[in-house]
Amino acid sequence: MYNITMVNLKPNETAEDLQCGGLRIIQSRDEYRFTTDAVLLANFCRDMHGKVCVEFGSGSGVVSILLSYKKHPKRIVALEIQPQLCDMMQRSVAMNGMQGIEVHNIDLKLAHTVVTGADVVVCNPPYRRVGSGERQLRENLALCRHELKATLSDIIAEAGRVLNNKGNLYLVHQAQRLCEIVTLCRDNGIAVKQILPVCPAPNKQPNLVLVRAVKGGEQDCVLSSPLCITDGQGNYTPQAKAWYGIAEDN
C-alpha cells in the first residue's frame, strides 16, 4: 500500500511505520505527534463498514487512516483546525493510496456545515481544560493538549448535530472526566452505552476511558473489564499487543 513515490517530506518530517498493513504516516518534530491513545480509539470503534464517519480534530490523521484500513467505512470526513496538520494528513492519505478520506481545514464546531446525517463521530480531543496543568509554550502544541479552541461540551454538542438517529460517538479521554462526558452526552440526547477503562498496569487505577455513546439510545450501559496496557513489569500485555498490532515474540 505504501508508495514511496508519493512521499513529499518537508524539513523535520519523517514517514513512520504504523505497523499495520504497511501503512505509514508523516510526523514532524515541530508538531504534535500522535500517542497510543489514538491507536486505542481506532481499535475500539466497531460496526463502521459502509458508513459515514466524521473525525473531530484529526491532527496528522492516524485515527482516520487506521479506521479506513481496518473498519472499511464508506466515507471519512476528517476535520482539523491547524492547516499544517491538515497538509501532513493529506500527504499521508496520498502516500498510502487511500480513497474515501476527505480532509477539511475547519473548526470542529462547524462540522455541521460540512456534513450531517453521519453514522459515526470519532474524537481524540485535547484532554485538559484551559488553566489546568502546565501549558505548552508553543501554540500549535498547546492546541492539541488544552481546550483552547473546542471544549468537551463543544465536541459533544457538535456530535449531536451531525449524527443521525442511533449514530455512534466514540471518545477517548481522561478517566477523571467520565462523569462530565456522561452528563454532557445526556444533555445532548446521546446515551453512553459502553465504557472501557484503560489502566497503565494491573495495580493502577484507570487513567483513560474509551466511551461509545448512541444518539437517541436507551439508558443502559455496559462497563467493560479494564484493558491493562502493561503487566506491571513494563511489558505490554497480550491484550494491549493485540490492540496496538504488536507481534508476539517467537
Protein backbone atom coordinates (compact mmCIF):
# COMPACT_ATOMS: atom_id res chain seq x y z
CA MET A 1 0.00 0.00 0.00
CA TYR A 2 2.80 2.42 0.93
CA ASN A 3 4.00 4.27 -2.19
CA ILE A 4 7.44 5.85 -1.77
CA THR A 5 6.93 7.87 -4.94
CA MET A 6 4.15 9.77 -3.18
CA VAL A 7 6.37 10.92 -0.29
CA ASN A 8 6.96 14.66 -0.22
CA LEU A 9 8.59 15.30 3.13
CA LYS A 10 9.29 18.76 4.49
CA PRO A 11 12.11 19.70 6.89
CA ASN A 12 11.92 17.82 10.21
CA GLU A 13 9.38 15.32 8.84
CA THR A 14 9.61 11.54 8.67
CA ALA A 15 7.32 8.86 7.21
CA GLU A 16 6.80 6.47 10.11
CA ASP A 17 5.62 2.86 10.00
CA LEU A 18 2.23 2.32 11.68
CA GLN A 19 2.93 -1.43 11.98
CA CYS A 20 -0.37 -2.12 10.25
CA GLY A 21 -0.66 -3.37 6.69
CA GLY A 22 2.33 -1.39 5.51
CA LEU A 23 0.70 1.93 6.39
CA ARG A 24 2.89 4.94 7.07
CA ILE A 25 2.15 8.38 8.43
CA ILE A 26 4.02 11.65 8.16
CA GLN A 27 5.13 13.06 11.51
CA SER A 28 7.08 16.22 12.29
CA ARG A 29 9.43 17.08 15.13
CA ASP A 30 7.82 20.55 15.11
CA GLU A 31 4.23 19.36 15.53
CA TYR A 32 2.13 17.34 17.94
CA ARG A 33 2.84 13.63 17.47
CA PHE A 34 0.07 11.11 17.93
CA THR A 35 0.09 8.90 21.02
CA THR A 36 -1.03 5.34 21.69
CA ASP A 37 -4.39 6.74 22.85
CA ALA A 38 -5.24 7.37 19.20
CA VAL A 39 -4.44 3.75 18.30
CA LEU A 40 -6.65 2.53 21.16
CA LEU A 41 -9.52 4.70 19.93
CA ALA A 42 -9.26 3.41 16.36
CA ASN A 43 -9.34 -0.18 17.58
CA PHE A 44 -12.26 0.49 19.95
CA CYS A 45 -14.53 1.62 17.11
CA ARG A 46 -16.77 -1.03 15.55
CA ASP A 47 -19.65 -1.53 13.11
CA MET A 48 -18.43 1.06 10.60
CA HIS A 49 -18.46 -0.93 7.35
CA GLY A 50 -20.03 1.11 4.56
CA LYS A 51 -20.92 4.00 6.87
CA VAL A 52 -20.14 7.72 7.02
CA CYS A 53 -17.63 8.66 9.72
CA VAL A 54 -16.57 12.11 10.90
CA GLU A 55 -13.39 12.64 12.88
CA PHE A 56 -13.20 15.76 15.04
CA GLY A 57 -9.67 17.14 15.48
CA SER A 58 -7.92 14.66 13.20
CA GLY A 59 -4.40 16.02 13.75
CA SER A 60 -1.93 14.33 11.42
CA GLY A 61 -4.51 11.68 10.56
CA VAL A 62 -3.62 8.48 12.39
CA VAL A 63 -7.15 7.63 13.55
CA SER A 64 -8.80 8.22 10.18
CA ILE A 65 -6.09 6.28 8.35
CA LEU A 66 -6.37 3.30 10.70
CA LEU A 67 -10.17 3.38 10.55
CA SER A 68 -10.14 3.46 6.77
CA TYR A 69 -7.86 0.42 6.63
CA LYS A 70 -9.36 -1.64 9.46
CA LYS A 71 -13.06 -0.72 9.62
CA HIS A 72 -13.92 -0.02 5.96
CA PRO A 73 -16.30 2.94 6.26
CA LYS A 74 -17.83 4.30 3.07
CA ARG A 75 -16.54 7.82 3.73
CA ILE A 76 -14.41 9.55 6.34
CA VAL A 77 -14.65 13.32 6.83
CA ALA A 78 -11.62 14.45 8.84
CA LEU A 79 -11.77 17.92 10.40
CA GLU A 80 -8.67 19.72 11.71
CA ILE A 81 -8.29 23.39 12.62
CA GLN A 82 -4.50 23.60 12.15
CA PRO A 83 -3.58 23.91 8.44
CA GLN A 84 -0.11 22.40 8.80
CA LEU A 85 -1.59 19.22 10.31
CA CYS A 86 -4.18 19.06 7.52
CA ASP A 87 -1.37 19.28 4.99
CA MET A 88 0.50 16.42 6.67
CA MET A 89 -2.64 14.30 6.72
CA GLN A 90 -3.44 14.95 3.07
CA ARG A 91 0.05 13.84 2.08
CA SER A 92 -0.17 10.74 4.30
CA VAL A 93 -3.50 9.77 2.72
CA ALA A 94 -1.99 10.15 -0.75
CA MET A 95 1.16 8.28 0.27
CA ASN A 96 -0.94 5.30 1.41
CA GLY A 97 -3.06 5.39 -1.75
CA MET A 98 -6.28 5.72 0.24
CA GLN A 99 -9.67 6.67 -1.17
CA GLY A 100 -12.69 7.95 0.69
CA ILE A 101 -10.90 10.20 3.22
CA GLU A 102 -11.72 13.90 2.95
CA VAL A 103 -9.57 16.37 4.89
CA HIS A 104 -11.06 19.73 5.84
CA ASN A 105 -9.21 22.61 7.48
CA ILE A 106 -12.09 23.78 9.66
CA ASP A 107 -13.09 24.35 13.28
CA LEU A 108 -14.86 21.21 14.50
CA LYS A 109 -17.65 23.40 15.91
CA LEU A 110 -18.59 23.99 12.25
CA ALA A 111 -18.75 20.30 11.38
CA HIS A 112 -22.48 20.61 10.64
CA THR A 113 -21.65 22.94 7.74
CA VAL A 114 -19.63 20.15 6.09
CA VAL A 115 -21.61 17.00 6.87
CA THR A 116 -24.88 15.97 8.52
CA GLY A 117 -26.55 12.60 8.94
CA ALA A 118 -23.26 10.92 9.89
CA ASP A 119 -23.30 7.37 11.21
CA VAL A 120 -20.20 7.76 13.39
CA VAL A 121 -18.28 10.58 15.08
CA VAL A 122 -14.82 9.81 16.45
CA CYS A 123 -12.71 12.12 18.59
CA ASN A 124 -9.43 12.05 20.49
CA PRO A 125 -9.79 15.54 21.96
CA PRO A 126 -7.48 17.80 23.95
CA TYR A 127 -7.68 16.38 27.48
CA ARG A 128 -7.02 19.46 29.61
CA ARG A 129 -9.26 22.35 30.45
CA VAL A 130 -7.80 25.80 29.98
CA GLY A 131 -5.82 26.65 33.10
CA SER A 132 -5.26 23.04 34.19
CA GLY A 133 -1.80 21.53 34.04
CA GLU A 134 1.31 23.02 32.52
CA ARG A 135 0.61 24.67 29.18
CA GLN A 136 2.87 24.23 26.18
CA LEU A 137 4.56 27.49 25.20
CA ARG A 138 4.14 26.75 21.50
CA GLU A 139 0.59 27.45 20.40
CA ASN A 140 0.43 24.62 17.86
CA LEU A 141 1.22 22.06 20.60
CA ALA A 142 -0.99 23.73 23.21
CA LEU A 143 -3.99 23.49 20.85
CA CYS A 144 -3.66 19.70 20.85
CA ARG A 145 -3.48 19.35 24.63
CA HIS A 146 -5.71 22.09 26.03
CA GLU A 147 -9.28 23.09 25.23
CA LEU A 148 -8.27 26.38 23.61
CA LYS A 149 -10.47 26.11 20.52
CA ALA A 150 -13.05 23.50 21.49
CA THR A 151 -14.21 22.25 24.88
CA LEU A 152 -15.58 18.81 25.68
CA SER A 153 -19.01 20.46 25.74
CA ASP A 154 -18.45 21.84 22.22
CA ILE A 155 -17.39 18.43 20.93
CA ILE A 156 -20.37 16.51 22.29
CA ALA A 157 -22.85 19.22 21.25
CA GLU A 158 -21.49 19.21 17.69
CA ALA A 159 -21.60 15.41 17.61
CA GLY A 160 -25.27 15.67 18.46
CA ARG A 161 -25.77 17.99 15.48
CA VAL A 162 -24.04 15.87 12.85
CA LEU A 163 -25.04 12.35 13.95
CA ASN A 164 -28.12 10.67 12.60
CA ASN A 165 -30.53 8.96 14.98
CA LYS A 166 -28.81 5.89 16.50
CA GLY A 167 -25.44 7.16 15.26
CA ASN A 168 -22.38 6.33 17.38
CA LEU A 169 -19.98 8.69 19.14
CA TYR A 170 -16.58 7.26 20.10
CA LEU A 171 -14.29 9.13 22.51
CA VAL A 172 -11.05 8.55 24.38
CA HIS A 173 -10.48 10.80 27.37
CA GLN A 174 -9.09 11.10 30.88
CA ALA A 175 -10.88 8.80 33.32
CA GLN A 176 -11.38 11.68 35.74
CA ARG A 177 -13.68 13.39 33.23
CA LEU A 178 -16.05 10.45 32.78
CA CYS A 179 -18.86 12.00 34.84
CA GLU A 180 -18.67 15.12 32.68
CA ILE A 181 -18.80 13.02 29.50
CA VAL A 182 -21.89 11.13 30.67
CA THR A 183 -23.66 14.34 31.73
CA LEU A 184 -22.88 16.21 28.50
CA CYS A 185 -23.98 13.27 26.40
CA ARG A 186 -27.29 13.07 28.25
CA ASP A 187 -27.85 16.81 27.85
CA ASN A 188 -27.38 16.46 24.08
CA GLY A 189 -29.65 13.46 23.58
CA ILE A 190 -26.79 10.96 23.40
CA ALA A 191 -26.70 7.92 25.70
CA VAL A 192 -23.45 6.39 26.89
CA LYS A 193 -23.64 2.69 26.02
CA GLN A 194 -20.17 1.31 26.72
CA ILE A 195 -17.26 2.35 28.93
CA LEU A 196 -13.88 0.65 28.69
CA PRO A 197 -11.45 1.69 31.45
CA VAL A 198 -7.77 1.68 30.47
CA CYS A 199 -5.18 1.01 33.18
CA PRO A 200 -1.42 1.55 32.76
CA ALA A 201 -0.80 -1.64 34.82
CA PRO A 202 -2.88 -4.21 36.78
CA ASN A 203 -2.29 -2.49 40.13
CA LYS A 204 -3.06 1.01 38.83
CA GLN A 205 -6.31 2.92 38.64
CA PRO A 206 -7.66 3.67 35.14
CA ASN A 207 -6.16 6.82 33.67
CA LEU A 208 -8.16 6.71 30.43
CA VAL A 209 -11.64 5.68 29.32
CA LEU A 210 -12.89 4.66 25.91
CA VAL A 211 -16.55 5.59 25.52
CA ARG A 212 -19.20 4.62 22.99
CA ALA A 213 -22.43 6.61 23.04
CA VAL A 214 -25.52 6.49 20.82
CA LYS A 215 -27.69 9.40 19.75
CA GLY A 216 -31.24 8.65 20.85
CA GLY A 217 -30.09 5.46 22.59
CA GLU A 218 -31.70 3.83 25.61
CA GLN A 219 -30.32 4.37 29.11
CA ASP A 220 -28.44 1.11 29.51
CA CYS A 221 -24.66 0.89 29.62
CA VAL A 222 -22.00 -1.82 29.65
CA LEU A 223 -18.96 -1.31 31.88
CA SER A 224 -16.29 -3.46 30.24
CA SER A 225 -13.44 -5.20 32.02
CA PRO A 226 -10.39 -2.91 32.15
CA LEU A 227 -7.76 -3.01 29.44
CA CYS A 228 -4.33 -3.18 31.08
CA ILE A 229 -1.51 -1.79 28.94
CA THR A 230 1.44 -3.35 30.77
CA ASP A 231 1.86 -6.37 33.05
CA GLY A 232 3.45 -4.40 35.88
CA GLN A 233 6.95 -5.27 34.71
CA GLY A 234 6.92 -2.77 31.89
CA ASN A 235 5.94 -5.33 29.24
CA TYR A 236 2.86 -4.95 27.05
CA THR A 237 0.07 -7.37 27.96
CA PRO A 238 -1.14 -9.76 25.23
CA GLN A 239 -4.39 -7.76 25.02
CA ALA A 240 -2.52 -4.49 24.56
CA LYS A 241 -0.27 -6.08 21.93
CA ALA A 242 -3.35 -7.16 20.00
CA TRP A 243 -4.81 -3.65 20.14
CA TYR A 244 -1.58 -1.96 19.18
CA GLY A 245 -0.77 -4.52 16.47
CA ILE A 246 2.49 -5.58 18.12
CA ALA A 247 3.67 -9.01 17.02
CA GLU A 248 4.23 -11.59 19.75
CA ASP A 249 7.80 -12.78 20.28
CA ASN A 250 8.59 -16.21 18.88
